Protein backbone atom coordinates (compact mmCIF):
# COMPACT_ATOMS: atom_id res chain seq x y z
CA MET A 1 -0.30 0.16 0.13
CA SER A 2 1.06 3.76 -0.88
CA VAL A 3 0.09 4.62 2.67
CA LEU A 4 3.02 2.30 4.20
CA ARG A 5 5.52 4.63 2.37
CA LYS A 6 4.34 7.72 3.59
CA PHE A 7 3.57 6.78 7.28
CA ARG A 8 4.97 4.30 9.58
CA PRO A 9 2.96 4.06 13.02
CA LEU A 10 5.58 3.76 16.11
CA LEU A 11 5.43 1.32 19.32
CA ASP A 12 1.99 -0.13 19.54
CA ARG A 13 0.29 2.30 17.30
CA ILE A 14 -2.04 0.90 14.67
CA LEU A 15 -3.20 2.92 11.67
CA VAL A 16 -7.02 1.84 10.79
CA GLU A 17 -9.15 3.02 7.81
CA ARG A 18 -12.76 3.52 8.87
CA VAL A 19 -15.41 1.10 7.05
CA ILE A 20 -17.75 3.36 5.45
CA ALA A 21 -21.17 3.41 6.17
CA GLU A 22 -23.72 1.91 3.76
CA THR A 23 -25.97 4.52 1.85
CA VAL A 24 -28.11 2.24 0.16
CA SER A 25 -30.18 -0.67 1.36
CA LYS A 26 -29.99 -3.98 0.30
CA GLY A 27 -33.49 -3.48 -1.32
CA GLY A 28 -31.68 -0.63 -2.99
CA ILE A 29 -33.62 2.71 -1.13
CA MET A 30 -31.24 5.42 -0.43
CA ILE A 31 -30.45 5.87 3.24
CA PRO A 32 -30.37 9.48 4.36
CA GLU A 33 -27.46 10.52 6.41
CA LYS A 34 -29.19 11.19 9.66
CA ALA A 35 -30.27 7.81 9.47
CA GLN A 36 -27.18 6.04 8.97
CA GLN A 37 -25.48 3.96 11.66
CA LYS A 38 -21.85 5.16 12.46
CA VAL A 39 -19.75 2.41 11.35
CA ASN A 40 -17.19 1.51 14.25
CA GLU A 41 -15.36 -1.11 12.00
CA ALA A 42 -12.09 -0.86 10.43
CA VAL A 43 -9.65 -2.28 8.29
CA VAL A 44 -5.91 -2.26 9.58
CA VAL A 45 -3.19 -0.51 6.91
CA ALA A 46 -0.27 -0.25 8.78
CA VAL A 47 1.07 -1.45 12.34
CA GLY A 48 3.83 -0.32 14.58
CA PRO A 49 6.50 -2.97 15.99
CA GLY A 50 5.08 -3.16 19.35
CA ALA A 51 5.87 -1.44 22.80
CA LYS A 52 8.80 -2.28 25.26
CA ASN A 53 7.57 -4.36 28.20
CA LYS A 54 8.64 -2.45 31.33
CA GLU A 55 9.56 -5.57 33.16
CA THR A 56 11.36 -7.36 30.70
CA GLY A 57 12.34 -5.03 28.35
CA ASN A 58 11.51 -7.09 25.38
CA VAL A 59 9.13 -5.55 22.74
CA ASP A 60 5.78 -7.04 22.94
CA PRO A 61 4.32 -7.10 19.19
CA VAL A 62 0.94 -5.74 18.83
CA SER A 63 -2.22 -8.07 18.38
CA VAL A 64 -3.41 -7.30 14.82
CA GLY A 65 -1.83 -7.35 11.61
CA VAL A 66 -2.40 -5.59 8.07
CA GLY A 67 -5.47 -6.29 6.59
CA ASP A 68 -7.20 -7.47 9.77
CA LYS A 69 -11.11 -6.02 10.46
CA VAL A 70 -11.21 -4.58 13.65
CA LEU A 71 -13.93 -3.06 16.06
CA VAL A 72 -12.74 0.76 16.84
CA PRO A 73 -14.19 3.00 19.69
CA GLU A 74 -16.59 5.30 18.79
CA TYR A 75 -14.35 8.36 20.07
CA GLY A 76 -10.64 8.75 20.31
CA GLY A 77 -7.56 8.04 18.51
CA THR A 78 -5.84 10.52 16.25
CA LYS A 79 -7.08 11.34 12.94
CA LEU A 80 -4.78 11.56 9.66
CA SER A 81 -5.31 12.45 6.26
CA LEU A 82 -2.67 10.74 3.54
CA ASN A 83 -3.28 10.78 -0.06
CA ASP A 84 -6.58 12.40 0.36
CA LYS A 85 -7.62 9.45 2.54
CA ASP A 86 -9.14 9.82 6.11
CA TYR A 87 -7.09 7.31 8.72
CA VAL A 88 -7.22 7.15 12.47
CA LEU A 89 -4.31 6.07 14.71
CA PHE A 90 -4.92 3.91 17.89
CA ARG A 91 -3.09 2.31 20.45
CA ASP A 92 -3.26 -1.70 20.42
CA GLY A 93 -4.89 -1.37 23.71
CA ASP A 94 -7.46 0.94 22.44
CA LEU A 95 -8.98 -1.63 19.86
CA LEU A 96 -12.13 -3.65 20.99
CA GLY A 97 -11.70 -6.68 19.03
CA VAL A 98 -10.91 -8.31 15.74
CA PHE A 99 -13.63 -9.86 13.49
CA ASP A 100 -12.62 -13.22 12.27
CA GLN A 101 -12.01 -13.73 8.44
């Protein structure tokens, strides 16, 4: 991905791209913006190497990898715009879960 060339997360940070809310129902009906649900799903696009464990001094790797679909909190994270795309940067511990694929 071209994002990896422009930005590399440090420590236990994870760069995600939020999944876009559905604008058309399965039946083909347009959903107005006010009725659209906020989507807390995102796809991991870049990960840092991990954070240093204070007790052992070893680096603990992050719990997700590039391409994983994750559940992120509704609020929080650091918003970032690269190549006219919006991304959010979270710490590994801030992620709520990983969807099985």
